[in-house]
Amino acid sequence: MFNTIADPADCEVLSVIRVLNAKKIKPAEIHRQLVEIYGEDVMTDGMVRKWVRQFNDGRTNVLDEARSERTSVINDGLVAKENEKIRENRRFTIRMILMSFHKFRKLSCMRLSQIA
């Protein structure tokens, strides 16, 4: 039995997957070995398969790729509007704020889907 390694860095786990995949070890066996060393919460079998596919497709980088930044839907005007609502009604609850943002989020998603 091996000692388990707690809280491994993502790039460490991906490096292990890459090496074992290069040795032609099947994804299910890679997952079994990862669980043996890093514990049950390391990564799902499906994620191991996803990474194996990416490495087989030519990916070599085990570090996170830069992601395109989403523009924030929260702006100064929205914050000012919510602050005004709170000042008008001191009994304004967190639930009311969440519902207000929820409506705004739905509206933003609809707008973004129309643009895409």
N, C-alpha and C. Protein backbone atom coordinates (compact mmCIF):
# COMPACT_ATOMS: atom_id res chain seq x y z
N MET A 1 0.84 -1.19 0.00
CA MET A 1 0.00 0.00 0.00
C MET A 1 0.88 1.24 0.00
N PHE A 2 0.46 2.26 -0.75
CA PHE A 2 1.22 3.50 -0.87
C PHE A 2 0.66 4.54 0.10
N ASN A 3 1.48 5.53 0.41
CA ASN A 3 0.97 6.70 1.11
C ASN A 3 0.23 7.55 0.11
N THR A 4 -0.91 8.11 0.51
CA THR A 4 -1.63 8.99 -0.41
C THR A 4 -1.03 10.39 -0.34
N ILE A 5 -1.11 11.07 -1.45
CA ILE A 5 -0.62 12.45 -1.54
C ILE A 5 -1.84 13.35 -1.50
N ALA A 6 -1.90 14.20 -0.50
CA ALA A 6 -3.06 15.08 -0.32
C ALA A 6 -2.89 16.36 -1.14
N ASP A 7 -4.00 16.85 -1.65
CA ASP A 7 -4.07 18.13 -2.36
C ASP A 7 -3.00 18.32 -3.44
N PRO A 8 -2.94 17.45 -4.41
CA PRO A 8 -1.94 17.63 -5.47
C PRO A 8 -2.32 18.82 -6.36
N ALA A 9 -1.33 19.42 -6.95
CA ALA A 9 -1.58 20.48 -7.92
C ALA A 9 -2.19 19.86 -9.17
N ASP A 10 -3.06 20.59 -9.83
CA ASP A 10 -3.70 20.09 -11.05
C ASP A 10 -2.66 19.67 -12.09
N CYS A 11 -1.62 20.49 -12.23
CA CYS A 11 -0.61 20.17 -13.24
C CYS A 11 0.15 18.89 -12.89
N GLU A 12 0.25 18.57 -11.61
CA GLU A 12 0.90 17.32 -11.20
C GLU A 12 0.07 16.13 -11.67
N VAL A 13 -1.23 16.17 -11.41
CA VAL A 13 -2.11 15.08 -11.80
C VAL A 13 -2.14 14.94 -13.32
N LEU A 14 -2.21 16.06 -14.02
CA LEU A 14 -2.23 16.02 -15.48
C LEU A 14 -0.91 15.48 -16.04
N SER A 15 0.19 15.79 -15.37
CA SER A 15 1.48 15.25 -15.80
C SER A 15 1.51 13.74 -15.66
N VAL A 16 0.96 13.23 -14.57
CA VAL A 16 0.90 11.79 -14.36
C VAL A 16 0.04 11.15 -15.46
N ILE A 17 -1.11 11.76 -15.74
CA ILE A 17 -1.98 11.24 -16.80
C ILE A 17 -1.23 11.22 -18.13
N ARG A 18 -0.52 12.29 -18.42
CA ARG A 18 0.21 12.38 -19.69
C ARG A 18 1.27 11.28 -19.80
N VAL A 19 2.02 11.06 -18.72
CA VAL A 19 3.07 10.04 -18.74
C VAL A 19 2.47 8.65 -18.89
N LEU A 20 1.45 8.35 -18.09
CA LEU A 20 0.84 7.02 -18.17
C LEU A 20 0.18 6.79 -19.52
N ASN A 21 -0.41 7.83 -20.08
CA ASN A 21 -1.01 7.71 -21.41
C ASN A 21 0.07 7.45 -22.47
N ALA A 22 1.22 8.10 -22.32
CA ALA A 22 2.32 7.88 -23.26
C ALA A 22 2.83 6.44 -23.18
N LYS A 23 2.64 5.81 -22.02
CA LYS A 23 3.04 4.40 -21.85
C LYS A 23 1.94 3.46 -22.32
N LYS A 24 0.91 4.03 -22.98
CA LYS A 24 -0.21 3.26 -23.55
C LYS A 24 -1.05 2.55 -22.48
N ILE A 25 -1.13 3.15 -21.29
CA ILE A 25 -1.98 2.60 -20.23
C ILE A 25 -3.39 3.12 -20.47
N LYS A 26 -4.36 2.24 -20.34
CA LYS A 26 -5.76 2.59 -20.60
C LYS A 26 -6.28 3.58 -19.56
N PRO A 27 -7.22 4.47 -19.98
CA PRO A 27 -7.75 5.49 -19.07
C PRO A 27 -8.31 4.92 -17.76
N ALA A 28 -8.98 3.78 -17.80
CA ALA A 28 -9.54 3.20 -16.57
C ALA A 28 -8.43 2.83 -15.59
N GLU A 29 -7.33 2.31 -16.11
CA GLU A 29 -6.19 1.96 -15.26
C GLU A 29 -5.49 3.21 -14.74
N ILE A 30 -5.41 4.24 -15.58
CA ILE A 30 -4.84 5.52 -15.13
C ILE A 30 -5.66 6.05 -13.97
N HIS A 31 -6.98 6.03 -14.10
CA HIS A 31 -7.85 6.51 -13.03
C HIS A 31 -7.64 5.69 -11.76
N ARG A 32 -7.55 4.37 -11.90
CA ARG A 32 -7.34 3.51 -10.74
C ARG A 32 -6.04 3.86 -10.02
N GLN A 33 -4.99 4.10 -10.78
CA GLN A 33 -3.70 4.45 -10.17
C GLN A 33 -3.75 5.83 -9.51
N LEU A 34 -4.43 6.78 -10.15
CA LEU A 34 -4.56 8.10 -9.55
C LEU A 34 -5.28 8.02 -8.20
N VAL A 35 -6.37 7.26 -8.16
CA VAL A 35 -7.13 7.11 -6.91
C VAL A 35 -6.28 6.44 -5.85
N GLU A 36 -5.48 5.47 -6.27
CA GLU A 36 -4.60 4.76 -5.33
C GLU A 36 -3.60 5.71 -4.68
N ILE A 37 -3.06 6.63 -5.45
CA ILE A 37 -2.03 7.54 -4.95
C ILE A 37 -2.62 8.82 -4.32
N TYR A 38 -3.62 9.40 -4.98
CA TYR A 38 -4.12 10.71 -4.55
C TYR A 38 -5.43 10.65 -3.77
N GLY A 39 -6.09 9.50 -3.74
CA GLY A 39 -7.34 9.39 -3.01
C GLY A 39 -8.55 9.49 -3.93
N GLU A 40 -9.71 9.21 -3.38
CA GLU A 40 -10.96 9.13 -4.14
C GLU A 40 -11.35 10.44 -4.83
N ASP A 41 -10.99 11.56 -4.25
CA ASP A 41 -11.46 12.85 -4.78
C ASP A 41 -10.55 13.46 -5.83
N VAL A 42 -9.58 12.71 -6.31
CA VAL A 42 -8.58 13.27 -7.23
C VAL A 42 -9.21 13.75 -8.53
N MET A 43 -9.95 12.88 -9.21
CA MET A 43 -10.54 13.22 -10.51
C MET A 43 -11.46 12.08 -10.90
N THR A 44 -12.52 12.39 -11.60
CA THR A 44 -13.44 11.34 -12.03
C THR A 44 -12.84 10.57 -13.21
N ASP A 45 -13.36 9.38 -13.41
CA ASP A 45 -12.95 8.56 -14.54
C ASP A 45 -13.22 9.29 -15.86
N GLY A 46 -14.35 9.98 -15.93
CA GLY A 46 -14.71 10.72 -17.15
C GLY A 46 -13.73 11.84 -17.45
N MET A 47 -13.26 12.52 -16.40
CA MET A 47 -12.28 13.60 -16.61
C MET A 47 -10.94 13.03 -17.06
N VAL A 48 -10.56 11.89 -16.51
CA VAL A 48 -9.32 11.25 -16.95
C VAL A 48 -9.43 10.93 -18.44
N ARG A 49 -10.58 10.39 -18.86
CA ARG A 49 -10.78 10.06 -20.28
C ARG A 49 -10.72 11.32 -21.14
N LYS A 50 -11.28 12.41 -20.64
CA LYS A 50 -11.26 13.68 -21.38
C LYS A 50 -9.81 14.14 -21.58
N TRP A 51 -9.00 14.06 -20.52
CA TRP A 51 -7.61 14.50 -20.63
C TRP A 51 -6.80 13.57 -21.53
N VAL A 52 -7.06 12.28 -21.45
CA VAL A 52 -6.37 11.34 -22.34
C VAL A 52 -6.68 11.69 -23.80
N ARG A 53 -7.96 11.99 -24.09
CA ARG A 53 -8.32 12.38 -25.47
C ARG A 53 -7.56 13.63 -25.89
N GLN A 54 -7.49 14.62 -24.98
CA GLN A 54 -6.78 15.86 -25.32
C GLN A 54 -5.30 15.60 -25.58
N PHE A 55 -4.67 14.77 -24.75
CA PHE A 55 -3.26 14.46 -24.98
C PHE A 55 -3.08 13.67 -26.27
N ASN A 56 -4.01 12.77 -26.56
CA ASN A 56 -3.94 12.02 -27.83
C ASN A 56 -4.15 12.92 -29.04
N ASP A 57 -4.89 14.00 -28.84
CA ASP A 57 -5.14 14.95 -29.93
C ASP A 57 -3.99 15.95 -30.11
N GLY A 58 -2.95 15.80 -29.30
CA GLY A 58 -1.77 16.64 -29.50
C GLY A 58 -1.49 17.66 -28.41
N ARG A 59 -2.35 17.73 -27.41
CA ARG A 59 -2.07 18.68 -26.34
C ARG A 59 -0.83 18.22 -25.58
N THR A 60 0.04 19.17 -25.27
CA THR A 60 1.25 18.86 -24.51
C THR A 60 1.32 19.64 -23.20
N ASN A 61 0.60 20.72 -23.12
CA ASN A 61 0.64 21.59 -21.96
C ASN A 61 -0.23 21.04 -20.83
N VAL A 62 0.33 20.93 -19.64
CA VAL A 62 -0.44 20.46 -18.49
C VAL A 62 -0.91 21.64 -17.62
N LEU A 63 -0.57 22.84 -18.03
CA LEU A 63 -1.01 24.02 -17.30
C LEU A 63 -2.31 24.53 -17.88
N ASP A 64 -3.08 25.25 -17.07
CA ASP A 64 -4.34 25.81 -17.55
C ASP A 64 -4.07 26.76 -18.70
N GLU A 65 -4.89 26.63 -19.73
CA GLU A 65 -4.77 27.55 -20.85
C GLU A 65 -5.47 28.86 -20.50
N ALA A 66 -5.00 29.92 -21.09
CA ALA A 66 -5.65 31.20 -20.86
C ALA A 66 -7.07 31.14 -21.42
N ARG A 67 -7.99 31.62 -20.64
CA ARG A 67 -9.39 31.61 -21.07
C ARG A 67 -9.81 33.01 -21.43
N SER A 68 -10.72 33.09 -22.36
CA SER A 68 -11.21 34.42 -22.70
C SER A 68 -12.00 34.96 -21.53
N GLU A 69 -11.74 36.19 -21.20
CA GLU A 69 -12.40 36.81 -20.05
C GLU A 69 -13.83 37.18 -20.41
N ARG A 70 -14.74 36.86 -19.51
CA ARG A 70 -16.11 37.30 -19.70
C ARG A 70 -16.22 38.74 -19.24
N THR A 71 -16.97 39.51 -19.94
CA THR A 71 -17.20 40.86 -19.47
C THR A 71 -18.18 40.79 -18.32
N SER A 72 -17.95 41.61 -17.32
CA SER A 72 -18.79 41.61 -16.14
C SER A 72 -20.15 42.21 -16.46
N VAL A 73 -21.19 41.58 -15.95
CA VAL A 73 -22.53 42.12 -16.13
C VAL A 73 -22.87 43.08 -14.99
N ILE A 74 -22.00 43.16 -14.00
CA ILE A 74 -22.22 44.07 -12.88
C ILE A 74 -21.41 45.33 -13.16
N ASN A 75 -22.09 46.45 -13.13
CA ASN A 75 -21.41 47.71 -13.36
C ASN A 75 -21.80 48.70 -12.26
N ASP A 76 -21.19 49.88 -12.29
CA ASP A 76 -21.47 50.87 -11.25
C ASP A 76 -22.94 51.27 -11.21
N GLY A 77 -23.56 51.35 -12.38
CA GLY A 77 -24.97 51.72 -12.44
C GLY A 77 -25.86 50.70 -11.74
N LEU A 78 -25.58 49.42 -11.95
CA LEU A 78 -26.36 48.36 -11.30
C LEU A 78 -26.17 48.39 -9.79
N VAL A 79 -24.94 48.58 -9.34
CA VAL A 79 -24.67 48.65 -7.90
C VAL A 79 -25.38 49.84 -7.29
N ALA A 80 -25.34 50.99 -7.96
CA ALA A 80 -26.02 52.18 -7.46
C ALA A 80 -27.53 51.94 -7.38
N LYS A 81 -28.09 51.27 -8.39
CA LYS A 81 -29.52 50.98 -8.40
C LYS A 81 -29.90 50.09 -7.22
N GLU A 82 -29.10 49.07 -6.94
CA GLU A 82 -29.38 48.17 -5.81
C GLU A 82 -29.22 48.90 -4.49
N ASN A 83 -28.20 49.74 -4.38
CA ASN A 83 -28.03 50.53 -3.15
C ASN A 83 -29.23 51.44 -2.91
N GLU A 84 -29.75 52.02 -3.98
CA GLU A 84 -30.92 52.89 -3.87
C GLU A 84 -32.13 52.09 -3.38
N LYS A 85 -32.33 50.90 -3.91
CA LYS A 85 -33.43 50.05 -3.47
C LYS A 85 -33.32 49.74 -1.98
N ILE A 86 -32.10 49.47 -1.52
CA ILE A 86 -31.89 49.14 -0.11
C ILE A 86 -32.18 50.35 0.76
N ARG A 87 -31.74 51.52 0.33
CA ARG A 87 -31.98 52.73 1.13
C ARG A 87 -33.46 53.10 1.18
N GLU A 88 -34.19 52.83 0.10
CA GLU A 88 -35.62 53.12 0.07
C GLU A 88 -36.40 52.20 1.01
N ASN A 89 -35.97 50.97 1.12
CA ASN A 89 -36.68 49.98 1.91
C ASN A 89 -35.68 49.29 2.83
N ARG A 90 -35.60 49.74 4.08
CA ARG A 90 -34.63 49.17 5.02
C ARG A 90 -34.95 47.71 5.37
N ARG A 91 -36.12 47.24 5.00
CA ARG A 91 -36.48 45.84 5.23
C ARG A 91 -36.16 44.98 4.00
N PHE A 92 -35.40 45.55 3.11
CA PHE A 92 -34.97 44.85 1.90
C PHE A 92 -34.15 43.64 2.34
N THR A 93 -34.49 42.47 1.87
CA THR A 93 -33.82 41.25 2.31
C THR A 93 -32.80 40.78 1.27
N ILE A 94 -31.95 39.90 1.72
CA ILE A 94 -30.97 39.29 0.82
C ILE A 94 -31.69 38.57 -0.32
N ARG A 95 -32.80 37.90 0.01
CA ARG A 95 -33.58 37.19 -1.01
C ARG A 95 -34.05 38.17 -2.08
N MET A 96 -34.48 39.36 -1.68
CA MET A 96 -34.95 40.36 -2.65
C MET A 96 -33.79 40.79 -3.56
N ILE A 97 -32.61 40.95 -2.98
CA ILE A 97 -31.44 41.33 -3.79
C ILE A 97 -31.12 40.21 -4.78
N LEU A 98 -31.12 38.97 -4.28
CA LEU A 98 -30.81 37.84 -5.16
C LEU A 98 -31.82 37.72 -6.30
N MET A 99 -33.09 37.95 -5.98
CA MET A 99 -34.12 37.88 -7.03
C MET A 99 -33.89 38.98 -8.06
N SER A 100 -33.49 40.15 -7.60
CA SER A 100 -33.23 41.25 -8.51
C SER A 100 -32.07 40.91 -9.45
N PHE A 101 -30.98 40.38 -8.89
CA PHE A 101 -29.84 39.99 -9.71
C PHE A 101 -30.18 38.82 -10.60
N HIS A 102 -31.03 37.90 -10.10
CA HIS A 102 -31.43 36.74 -10.90
C HIS A 102 -32.17 37.20 -12.16
N LYS A 103 -33.06 38.15 -12.00
CA LYS A 103 -33.79 38.67 -13.16
C LYS A 103 -32.81 39.33 -14.14
N PHE A 104 -31.85 40.07 -13.60
CA PHE A 104 -30.87 40.73 -14.44
C PHE A 104 -30.01 39.70 -15.18
N ARG A 105 -29.62 38.64 -14.47
CA ARG A 105 -28.79 37.60 -15.07
C ARG A 105 -29.53 36.93 -16.22
N LYS A 106 -30.82 36.64 -16.03
CA LYS A 106 -31.60 36.03 -17.10
C LYS A 106 -31.64 36.94 -18.32
N LEU A 107 -31.87 38.24 -18.07
CA LEU A 107 -31.92 39.21 -19.15
C LEU A 107 -30.58 39.25 -19.88
N SER A 108 -29.47 39.25 -19.13
CA SER A 108 -28.14 39.29 -19.74
C SER A 108 -27.89 38.06 -20.59
N CYS A 109 -28.30 36.87 -20.08
CA CYS A 109 -28.10 35.63 -20.84
C CYS A 109 -28.89 35.67 -22.14
N MET A 110 -30.10 36.22 -22.08
CA MET A 110 -30.91 36.31 -23.30
C MET A 110 -30.24 37.23 -24.30
N ARG A 111 -29.71 38.35 -23.83
CA ARG A 111 -29.02 39.30 -24.72
C ARG A 111 -27.79 38.65 -25.34
N LEU A 112 -27.01 37.95 -24.51
CA LEU A 112 -25.79 37.31 -25.02
C LEU A 112 -26.12 36.24 -26.04
N SER A 113 -27.21 35.50 -25.84
CA SER A 113 -27.57 34.46 -26.80
C SER A 113 -28.01 35.06 -28.12
N GLN A 114 -28.58 36.28 -28.07
CA GLN A 114 -28.98 36.94 -29.30
C GLN A 114 -27.78 37.44 -30.09
N ILE A 115 -26.71 37.81 -29.35
CA ILE A 115 -25.50 38.31 -29.99
C ILE A 115 -24.73 37.16 -30.63
N ALA A 116 -24.67 36.02 -29.92
CA ALA A 116 -23.85 34.88 -30.38
C ALA A 116 -24.41 34.22 -31.62
